[in-house]
Amino acid sequence: MCQLAQAIHGYFVPEISHAGIVDGADAPLTIYTMPYLRGISCLDALPCQVEMDEVAEVRHTCFIRHLARYFARCLSKPQRTTTEAQTETLDGIQRRLALVRSSPSSIIGTPAWWELERSLPTLFGRDYPQVLTHGDLSRTNILVDEDTHEITGIVDWSLASILPFGMDLDCLFLTTGYMDRDGWHNYACRSLLNEAFWTEFWSASDVRDNMRQYQVRDMAERAAKIGAILRYTFQHNADGSPSETLMSDGALTWTHLQAWLAT
């Protein structure tokens, strides 16, 4: 998948070399090497305060536009996949969503939840783009220039796979606000950041038709919420992939997810 990522995203994806396996690790621990990438992680770069000054807002908008170009490249390079592979992936998602549905979480049973489940056949339909999906597009895996906040690299492609477009788009939500002990907080300029994202995205992906824009955004945002549910409600395996064991009801990730699905 790294080679495919490099073909789509170019120098933003570092070349990876296998360097061996750690002896005696409880779970297999593989070592990889990659070239040094300039920049700092989004975790260190993006603010943890609702209000931004003018400089911070300009930097953040720059980052958001670069993020939009990343997703535009994904959409512009749809990937072929077999019916069998799609069916297997869809079955796995439906199985996990059924586990979430059986939990006592307050997000279950809401109109928004049922609407997401009804979206799955369309997301896996032949007319919806299946694209390379990072699988863990978090603040720690996106590097940015410390001064401008332009994206300089995207690392850790170990969970990459071919999925319906938008399954990683929860990254936009994660980078237009922040979570602390008091809960989720949207940035004061969140609406401006979202507008900057979609304006840049339509330009970079060359999607001009208004109806097409509505359809793509609507389904991508549904896919993003499904992707977030799968990532944030399940414990993770040793390799970082989601298991089929639910997080405890009081886990911070549930609070994080509820804040988003309520929007």
C-alpha atoms as a PDB file:
ATOM      1  CA  MET A   1       0.000   0.000   0.000  1.00  0.00           C
ATOM      2  CA  CYS A   2       2.939   2.357   0.581  1.00  0.00           C
ATOM      3  CA  GLN A   3       3.873   2.195  -3.097  1.00  0.00           C
ATOM      4  CA  LEU A   4       0.303   3.064  -4.069  1.00  0.00           C
ATOM      5  CA  ALA A   5       0.314   5.915  -1.546  1.00  0.00           C
ATOM      6  CA  GLN A   6       3.552   7.244  -3.046  1.00  0.00           C
ATOM      7  CA  ALA A   7       2.083   7.019  -6.545  1.00  0.00           C
ATOM      8  CA  ILE A   8      -0.920   9.099  -5.454  1.00  0.00           C
ATOM      9  CA  HIS A   9       0.621  11.526  -2.962  1.00  0.00           C
ATOM     10  CA  GLY A  10       4.248  11.695  -4.084  1.00  0.00           C
ATOM     11  CA  TYR A  11       6.894  12.986  -1.695  1.00  0.00           C
ATOM     12  CA  PHE A  12       4.392  13.378   1.159  1.00  0.00           C
ATOM     13  CA  VAL A  13       4.701   9.612   1.684  1.00  0.00           C
ATOM     14  CA  PRO A  14       8.178   8.470   2.794  1.00  0.00           C
ATOM     15  CA  GLU A  15       9.838   5.400   1.304  1.00  0.00           C
ATOM     16  CA  ILE A  16       9.718   2.582   3.851  1.00  0.00           C
ATOM     17  CA  SER A  17      12.344  -0.151   4.327  1.00  0.00           C
ATOM     18  CA  HIS A  18      11.864  -3.285   6.418  1.00  0.00           C
ATOM     19  CA  ALA A  19      14.628  -3.551   9.035  1.00  0.00           C
ATOM     20  CA  GLY A  20      13.678  -6.693  10.947  1.00  0.00           C
ATOM     21  CA  ILE A  21      11.599  -7.886  13.896  1.00  0.00           C
ATOM     22  CA  VAL A  22      12.184  -7.231  17.601  1.00  0.00           C
ATOM     23  CA  ASP A  23      13.172 -10.445  19.389  1.00  0.00           C
ATOM     24  CA  GLY A  24      11.080 -11.452  22.369  1.00  0.00           C
ATOM     25  CA  ALA A  25       8.219  -9.030  21.764  1.00  0.00           C
ATOM     26  CA  ASP A  26       4.943 -10.234  23.283  1.00  0.00           C
ATOM     27  CA  ALA A  27       3.213  -9.394  20.019  1.00  0.00           C
ATOM     28  CA  PRO A  28       5.272  -9.382  16.784  1.00  0.00           C
ATOM     29  CA  LEU A  29       6.942  -5.976  16.523  1.00  0.00           C
ATOM     30  CA  THR A  30       8.304  -5.087  13.102  1.00  0.00           C
ATOM     31  CA  ILE A  31      10.916  -2.377  12.600  1.00  0.00           C
ATOM     32  CA  TYR A  32      10.798  -0.096   9.575  1.00  0.00           C
ATOM     33  CA  THR A  33      13.074   2.769   8.594  1.00  0.00           C
ATOM     34  CA  MET A  34      12.252   5.861   6.573  1.00  0.00           C
ATOM     35  CA  PRO A  35      14.006   9.070   5.557  1.00  0.00           C
ATOM     36  CA  TYR A  36      13.862  12.081   7.848  1.00  0.00           C
ATOM     37  CA  LEU A  37      10.863  14.282   7.112  1.00  0.00           C
ATOM     38  CA  ARG A  38      10.913  17.945   8.009  1.00  0.00           C
ATOM     39  CA  GLY A  39       8.143  19.418  10.108  1.00  0.00           C
ATOM     40  CA  ILE A  40       6.307  18.725  13.347  1.00  0.00           C
ATOM     41  CA  SER A  41       3.197  16.679  14.043  1.00  0.00           C
ATOM     42  CA  CYS A  42      -0.234  18.279  13.962  1.00  0.00           C
ATOM     43  CA  LEU A  43      -0.530  17.256  17.595  1.00  0.00           C
ATOM     44  CA  ASP A  44       2.211  19.763  18.405  1.00  0.00           C
ATOM     45  CA  ALA A  45       1.213  22.378  15.835  1.00  0.00           C
ATOM     46  CA  LEU A  46      -2.543  22.855  16.180  1.00  0.00           C
ATOM     47  CA  PRO A  47      -3.867  24.954  19.071  1.00  0.00           C
ATOM     48  CA  CYS A  48      -5.856  23.737  22.065  1.00  0.00           C
ATOM     49  CA  GLN A  49      -7.882  26.897  22.571  1.00  0.00           C
ATOM     50  CA  VAL A  50     -11.185  28.016  21.076  1.00  0.00           C
ATOM     51  CA  GLU A  51     -10.056  31.460  19.929  1.00  0.00           C
ATOM     52  CA  MET A  52      -7.114  31.941  17.547  1.00  0.00           C
ATOM     53  CA  ASP A  53      -5.197  35.087  16.756  1.00  0.00           C
ATOM     54  CA  GLU A  54      -4.869  36.190  13.128  1.00  0.00           C
ATOM     55  CA  VAL A  55      -1.541  34.436  12.543  1.00  0.00           C
ATOM     56  CA  ALA A  56      -2.782  31.143  13.994  1.00  0.00           C
ATOM     57  CA  GLU A  57      -5.943  31.291  11.888  1.00  0.00           C
ATOM     58  CA  VAL A  58      -3.947  31.893   8.692  1.00  0.00           C
ATOM     59  CA  ARG A  59      -1.672  28.942   9.496  1.00  0.00           C
ATOM     60  CA  HIS A  60      -4.595  26.695  10.308  1.00  0.00           C
ATOM     61  CA  THR A  61      -6.393  27.641   7.102  1.00  0.00           C
ATOM     62  CA  CYS A  62      -3.224  26.804   5.164  1.00  0.00           C
ATOM     63  CA  PHE A  63      -3.164  23.374   6.788  1.00  0.00           C
ATOM     64  CA  ILE A  64      -6.855  22.782   6.044  1.00  0.00           C
ATOM     65  CA  ARG A  65      -6.334  23.624   2.365  1.00  0.00           C
ATOM     66  CA  HIS A  66      -3.443  21.181   2.150  1.00  0.00           C
ATOM     67  CA  LEU A  67      -5.652  18.562   3.801  1.00  0.00           C
ATOM     68  CA  ALA A  68      -8.324  19.223   1.172  1.00  0.00           C
ATOM     69  CA  ARG A  69      -5.773  18.600  -1.588  1.00  0.00           C
ATOM     70  CA  TYR A  70      -4.849  15.295   0.043  1.00  0.00           C
ATOM     71  CA  PHE A  71      -8.464  14.130  -0.098  1.00  0.00           C
ATOM     72  CA  ALA A  72      -8.877  15.498  -3.622  1.00  0.00           C
ATOM     73  CA  ARG A  73      -5.951  13.338  -4.768  1.00  0.00           C
ATOM     74  CA  CYS A  74      -7.633  10.309  -3.198  1.00  0.00           C
ATOM     75  CA  LEU A  75     -10.928  11.009  -4.979  1.00  0.00           C
ATOM     76  CA  SER A  76      -9.164  11.665  -8.282  1.00  0.00           C
ATOM     77  CA  LYS A  77      -7.475   8.232  -8.161  1.00  0.00           C
ATOM     78  CA  PRO A  78     -10.278   5.683  -7.562  1.00  0.00           C
ATOM     79  CA  GLN A  79      -9.079   2.119  -7.113  1.00  0.00           C
ATOM     80  CA  ARG A  80     -10.440  -1.090  -8.544  1.00  0.00           C
ATOM     81  CA  THR A  81     -11.451  -3.783  -6.113  1.00  0.00           C
ATOM     82  CA  THR A  82     -13.193  -7.119  -6.498  1.00  0.00           C
ATOM     83  CA  THR A  83     -16.794  -7.792  -5.552  1.00  0.00           C
ATOM     84  CA  GLU A  84     -15.549 -10.439  -3.123  1.00  0.00           C
ATOM     85  CA  ALA A  85     -13.219  -7.989  -1.377  1.00  0.00           C
ATOM     86  CA  GLN A  86     -15.939  -5.354  -1.115  1.00  0.00           C
ATOM     87  CA  THR A  87     -18.418  -7.881   0.256  1.00  0.00           C
ATOM     88  CA  GLU A  88     -15.913  -9.039   2.876  1.00  0.00           C
ATOM     89  CA  THR A  89     -15.194  -5.451   3.940  1.00  0.00           C
ATOM     90  CA  LEU A  90     -18.893  -4.543   4.058  1.00  0.00           C
ATOM     91  CA  ASP A  91     -19.698  -7.646   6.111  1.00  0.00           C
ATOM     92  CA  GLY A  92     -16.971  -6.732   8.600  1.00  0.00           C
ATOM     93  CA  ILE A  93     -18.289  -3.185   8.968  1.00  0.00           C
ATOM     94  CA  GLN A  94     -21.872  -4.352   9.401  1.00  0.00           C
ATOM     95  CA  ARG A  95     -20.758  -6.872  12.020  1.00  0.00           C
ATOM     96  CA  ARG A  96     -18.958  -4.192  14.023  1.00  0.00           C
ATOM     97  CA  LEU A  97     -21.848  -1.756  13.735  1.00  0.00           C
ATOM     98  CA  ALA A  98     -24.165  -4.478  15.033  1.00  0.00           C
ATOM     99  CA  LEU A  99     -21.908  -4.809  18.082  1.00  0.00           C
ATOM    100  CA  VAL A 100     -22.079  -1.061  18.650  1.00  0.00           C
ATOM    101  CA  ARG A 101     -25.861  -1.173  18.242  1.00  0.00           C
ATOM    102  CA  SER A 102     -26.090  -3.811  20.970  1.00  0.00           C
ATOM    103  CA  SER A 103     -24.204  -1.585  23.427  1.00  0.00           C
ATOM    104  CA  PRO A 104     -25.932   0.755  25.924  1.00  0.00           C
ATOM    105  CA  SER A 105     -24.342   3.853  24.355  1.00  0.00           C
ATOM    106  CA  SER A 106     -26.613   6.856  23.923  1.00  0.00           C
ATOM    107  CA  ILE A 107     -25.582   7.303  20.265  1.00  0.00           C
ATOM    108  CA  ILE A 108     -27.551   4.200  19.331  1.00  0.00           C
ATOM    109  CA  GLY A 109     -31.111   4.487  18.163  1.00  0.00           C
ATOM    110  CA  THR A 110     -30.827   8.110  17.073  1.00  0.00           C
ATOM    111  CA  PRO A 111     -32.107   9.087  13.611  1.00  0.00           C
ATOM    112  CA  ALA A 112     -28.531   9.974  12.636  1.00  0.00           C
ATOM    113  CA  TRP A 113     -27.382   6.442  13.477  1.00  0.00           C
ATOM    114  CA  TRP A 114     -30.028   4.711  11.372  1.00  0.00           C
ATOM    115  CA  GLU A 115     -29.318   7.051   8.481  1.00  0.00           C
ATOM    116  CA  LEU A 116     -25.659   6.017   8.569  1.00  0.00           C
ATOM    117  CA  GLU A 117     -26.494   2.318   8.452  1.00  0.00           C
ATOM    118  CA  ARG A 118     -28.817   2.857   5.503  1.00  0.00           C
ATOM    119  CA  SER A 119     -25.942   4.540   3.648  1.00  0.00           C
ATOM    120  CA  LEU A 120     -23.737   1.441   3.536  1.00  0.00           C
ATOM    121  CA  PRO A 121     -25.165  -0.153   0.344  1.00  0.00           C
ATOM    122  CA  THR A 122     -24.605   3.113  -1.537  1.00  0.00           C
ATOM    123  CA  LEU A 123     -21.082   3.546  -0.168  1.00  0.00           C
ATOM    124  CA  PHE A 124     -20.169   0.070  -1.387  1.00  0.00           C
ATOM    125  CA  GLY A 125     -22.136   0.369  -4.635  1.00  0.00           C
ATOM    126  CA  ARG A 126     -20.463   0.259  -8.028  1.00  0.00           C
ATOM    127  CA  ASP A 127     -21.013   3.983  -8.639  1.00  0.00           C
ATOM    128  CA  TYR A 128     -19.333   5.200  -5.450  1.00  0.00           C
ATOM    129  CA  PRO A 129     -15.533   5.702  -5.572  1.00  0.00           C
ATOM    130  CA  GLN A 130     -13.386   3.248  -3.620  1.00  0.00           C
ATOM    131  CA  VAL A 131     -10.089   4.918  -2.765  1.00  0.00           C
ATOM    132  CA  LEU A 132      -6.838   4.423  -0.903  1.00  0.00           C
ATOM    133  CA  THR A 133      -7.635   5.128   2.750  1.00  0.00           C
ATOM    134  CA  HIS A 134      -4.896   5.750   5.318  1.00  0.00           C
ATOM    135  CA  GLY A 135      -6.700   4.094   8.229  1.00  0.00           C
ATOM    136  CA  ASP A 136      -5.198   6.261  10.984  1.00  0.00           C
ATOM    137  CA  LEU A 137      -5.134   9.822   9.688  1.00  0.00           C
ATOM    138  CA  SER A 138      -4.676  11.322  13.134  1.00  0.00           C
ATOM    139  CA  ARG A 139      -2.868  14.426  14.366  1.00  0.00           C
ATOM    140  CA  THR A 140       0.191  12.324  15.176  1.00  0.00           C
ATOM    141  CA  ASN A 141       0.573  10.978  11.634  1.00  0.00           C
ATOM    142  CA  ILE A 142       0.371  14.270   9.737  1.00  0.00           C
ATOM    143  CA  LEU A 143       3.502  16.430   9.682  1.00  0.00           C
ATOM    144  CA  VAL A 144       3.371  20.154   8.967  1.00  0.00           C
ATOM    145  CA  ASP A 145       5.845  22.977   8.497  1.00  0.00           C
ATOM    146  CA  GLU A 146       6.300  24.651  11.863  1.00  0.00           C
ATOM    147  CA  ASP A 147       5.978  28.161  10.432  1.00  0.00           C
ATOM    148  CA  THR A 148       3.365  27.855   7.666  1.00  0.00           C
ATOM    149  CA  HIS A 149       1.519  24.641   8.650  1.00  0.00           C
ATOM    150  CA  GLU A 150       1.739  23.314   5.098  1.00  0.00           C
ATOM    151  CA  ILE A 151       1.622  19.524   5.164  1.00  0.00           C
ATOM    152  CA  THR A 152       5.128  18.098   4.751  1.00  0.00           C
ATOM    153  CA  GLY A 153       4.474  14.394   5.238  1.00  0.00           C
ATOM    154  CA  ILE A 154       1.969  11.680   6.103  1.00  0.00           C
ATOM    155  CA  VAL A 155       3.367   8.656   7.927  1.00  0.00           C
ATOM    156  CA  ASP A 156       2.346   5.223   9.261  1.00  0.00           C
ATOM    157  CA  TRP A 157       0.464   3.586   6.406  1.00  0.00           C
ATOM    158  CA  SER A 158       0.286   0.202   8.152  1.00  0.00           C
ATOM    159  CA  LEU A 159      -3.537   0.229   8.269  1.00  0.00           C
ATOM    160  CA  ALA A 160      -4.059   1.497   4.710  1.00  0.00           C
ATOM    161  CA  SER A 161      -6.723  -0.216   2.625  1.00  0.00           C
ATOM    162  CA  ILE A 162      -9.206   0.398  -0.182  1.00  0.00           C
ATOM    163  CA  LEU A 163     -12.455   1.779   1.246  1.00  0.00           C
ATOM    164  CA  PRO A 164     -15.328   4.056   0.193  1.00  0.00           C
ATOM    165  CA  PHE A 165     -14.212   7.662  -0.180  1.00  0.00           C
ATOM    166  CA  GLY A 166     -14.573   9.606   3.057  1.00  0.00           C
ATOM    167  CA  MET A 167     -13.877   6.885   5.617  1.00  0.00           C
ATOM    168  CA  ASP A 168     -10.895   8.976   6.805  1.00  0.00           C
ATOM    169  CA  LEU A 169     -12.670  12.328   6.559  1.00  0.00           C
ATOM    170  CA  ASP A 170     -13.255  12.454  10.310  1.00  0.00           C
ATOM    171  CA  CYS A 171      -9.769  13.991  10.202  1.00  0.00           C
ATOM    172  CA  LEU A 172     -11.461  17.253   9.188  1.00  0.00           C
ATOM    173  CA  PHE A 173     -13.587  17.188  12.339  1.00  0.00           C
ATOM    174  CA  LEU A 174     -10.573  16.330  14.486  1.00  0.00           C
ATOM    175  CA  THR A 175      -8.614  19.298  13.152  1.00  0.00           C
ATOM    176  CA  THR A 176     -11.375  21.912  13.484  1.00  0.00           C
ATOM    177  CA  GLY A 177     -11.589  21.553  17.256  1.00  0.00           C
ATOM    178  CA  TYR A 178      -9.963  19.772  20.169  1.00  0.00           C
ATOM    179  CA  MET A 179     -10.771  17.557  23.143  1.00  0.00           C
ATOM    180  CA  ASP A 180      -9.737  18.162  26.735  1.00  0.00           C
ATOM    181  CA  ARG A 181     -10.962  17.016  30.149  1.00  0.00           C
ATOM    182  CA  ASP A 182     -13.998  19.258  29.808  1.00  0.00           C
ATOM    183  CA  GLY A 183     -15.093  17.653  26.545  1.00  0.00           C
ATOM    184  CA  TRP A 184     -15.042  18.618  22.887  1.00  0.00           C
ATOM    185  CA  HIS A 185     -14.531  22.244  21.801  1.00  0.00           C
ATOM    186  CA  ASN A 186     -15.017  23.592  18.278  1.00  0.00           C
ATOM    187  CA  TYR A 187     -12.637  26.327  17.187  1.00  0.00           C
ATOM    188  CA  ALA A 188     -14.376  29.699  16.927  1.00  0.00           C
ATOM    189  CA  CYS A 189     -13.399  29.808  13.236  1.00  0.00           C
ATOM    190  CA  ARG A 190     -14.594  26.250  12.532  1.00  0.00           C
ATOM    191  CA  SER A 191     -17.169  27.305   9.925  1.00  0.00           C
ATOM    192  CA  LEU A 192     -14.504  29.284   8.055  1.00  0.00           C
ATOM    193  CA  LEU A 193     -12.130  26.305   8.157  1.00  0.00           C
ATOM    194  CA  ASN A 194     -14.821  23.984   6.787  1.00  0.00           C
ATOM    195  CA  GLU A 195     -15.623  26.452   4.024  1.00  0.00           C
ATOM    196  CA  ALA A 196     -11.918  26.711   3.143  1.00  0.00           C
ATOM    197  CA  PHE A 197     -11.655  22.916   3.022  1.00  0.00           C
ATOM    198  CA  TRP A 198     -14.546  22.354   0.640  1.00  0.00           C
ATOM    199  CA  THR A 199     -13.692  25.304  -1.594  1.00  0.00           C
ATOM    200  CA  GLU A 200     -10.157  23.966  -2.020  1.00  0.00           C
ATOM    201  CA  PHE A 201     -11.402  20.394  -2.383  1.00  0.00           C
ATOM    202  CA  TRP A 202     -13.781  21.180  -5.255  1.00  0.00           C
ATOM    203  CA  SER A 203     -11.075  23.148  -7.033  1.00  0.00           C
ATOM    204  CA  ALA A 204      -8.389  20.476  -6.602  1.00  0.00           C
ATOM    205  CA  SER A 205     -10.696  17.585  -7.534  1.00  0.00           C
ATOM    206  CA  ASP A 206     -12.237  19.523 -10.453  1.00  0.00           C
ATOM    207  CA  VAL A 207     -15.786  18.778  -9.293  1.00  0.00           C
ATOM    208  CA  ARG A 208     -17.741  21.794 -10.566  1.00  0.00           C
ATOM    209  CA  ASP A 209     -21.358  20.654 -10.827  1.00  0.00           C
ATOM    210  CA  ASN A 210     -23.426  21.741  -7.808  1.00  0.00           C
ATOM    211  CA  MET A 211     -25.482  18.549  -7.681  1.00  0.00           C
ATOM    212  CA  ARG A 212     -22.370  16.401  -7.902  1.00  0.00           C
ATOM    213  CA  GLN A 213     -20.768  18.447  -5.127  1.00  0.00           C
ATOM    214  CA  TYR A 214     -23.808  17.899  -2.901  1.00  0.00           C
ATOM    215  CA  GLN A 215     -23.818  14.153  -3.543  1.00  0.00           C
ATOM    216  CA  VAL A 216     -20.090  13.708  -2.941  1.00  0.00           C
ATOM    217  CA  ARG A 217     -20.064  15.772   0.250  1.00  0.00           C
ATOM    218  CA  ASP A 218     -23.208  14.157   1.661  1.00  0.00           C
ATOM    219  CA  MET A 219     -21.954  10.600   1.184  1.00  0.00           C
ATOM    220  CA  ALA A 220     -18.372  11.427   2.202  1.00  0.00           C
ATOM    221  CA  GLU A 221     -19.563  12.934   5.483  1.00  0.00           C
ATOM    222  CA  ARG A 222     -21.647   9.823   6.165  1.00  0.00           C
ATOM    223  CA  ALA A 223     -18.633   7.634   5.408  1.00  0.00           C
ATOM    224  CA  ALA A 224     -16.548   9.785   7.759  1.00  0.00           C
ATOM    225  CA  LYS A 225     -18.939   9.191  10.648  1.00  0.00           C
ATOM    226  CA  ILE A 226     -19.002   5.448  10.003  1.00  0.00           C
ATOM    227  CA  GLY A 227     -15.200   5.426   9.915  1.00  0.00           C
ATOM    228  CA  ALA A 228     -15.089   7.336  13.190  1.00  0.00           C
ATOM    229  CA  ILE A 229     -17.486   4.892  14.855  1.00  0.00           C
ATOM    230  CA  LEU A 230     -15.306   1.965  13.816  1.00  0.00           C
ATOM    231  CA  ARG A 231     -12.127   3.653  15.062  1.00  0.00           C
ATOM    232  CA  TYR A 232     -13.324   5.154  18.329  1.00  0.00           C
ATOM    233  CA  THR A 233     -15.686   2.556  19.782  1.00  0.00           C
ATOM    234  CA  PHE A 234     -13.437  -0.511  19.579  1.00  0.00           C
ATOM    235  CA  GLN A 235     -10.289  -1.481  21.407  1.00  0.00           C
ATOM    236  CA  HIS A 236      -7.230  -1.869  19.186  1.00  0.00           C
ATOM    237  CA  ASN A 237      -5.187  -4.935  18.333  1.00  0.00           C
ATOM    238  CA  ALA A 238      -1.417  -4.994  18.770  1.00  0.00           C
ATOM    239  CA  ASP A 239      -0.942  -3.827  15.163  1.00  0.00           C
ATOM    240  CA  GLY A 240      -3.187  -0.812  15.741  1.00  0.00           C
ATOM    241  CA  SER A 241      -6.188  -2.160  13.858  1.00  0.00           C
ATOM    242  CA  PRO A 242      -9.635  -2.102  15.529  1.00  0.00           C
ATOM    243  CA  SER A 243     -10.596  -5.323  17.294  1.00  0.00           C
ATOM    244  CA  GLU A 244     -14.175  -6.481  17.789  1.00  0.00           C
ATOM    245  CA  THR A 245     -14.104  -5.655  21.507  1.00  0.00           C
ATOM    246  CA  LEU A 246     -15.960  -2.476  22.409  1.00  0.00           C
ATOM    247  CA  MET A 247     -14.432   0.278  24.495  1.00  0.00           C
ATOM    248  CA  SER A 248     -15.937   0.732  27.943  1.00  0.00           C
ATOM    249  CA  ASP A 249     -18.937   3.076  27.985  1.00  0.00           C
ATOM    250  CA  GLY A 250     -17.084   5.738  29.936  1.00  0.00           C
ATOM    251  CA  ALA A 251     -14.094   5.883  27.607  1.00  0.00           C
ATOM    252  CA  LEU A 252     -13.115   9.328  26.329  1.00  0.00           C
ATOM    253  CA  THR A 253     -13.470   8.094  22.752  1.00  0.00           C
ATOM    254  CA  TRP A 254     -17.215   7.578  23.236  1.00  0.00           C
ATOM    255  CA  THR A 255     -17.542  11.167  24.466  1.00  0.00           C
ATOM    256  CA  HIS A 256     -15.502  12.316  21.471  1.00  0.00           C
ATOM    257  CA  LEU A 257     -17.760  10.414  19.089  1.00  0.00           C
ATOM    258  CA  GLN A 258     -21.000  11.569  20.678  1.00  0.00           C
ATOM    259  CA  ALA A 259     -19.877  15.188  20.333  1.00  0.00           C
ATOM    260  CA  TRP A 260     -19.478  14.734  16.594  1.00  0.00           C
ATOM    261  CA  LEU A 261     -22.612  12.699  15.880  1.00  0.00           C
ATOM    262  CA  ALA A 262     -24.614  15.344  17.714  1.00  0.00           C
ATOM    263  CA  THR A 263     -23.601  17.950  15.106  1.00  0.00           C
END
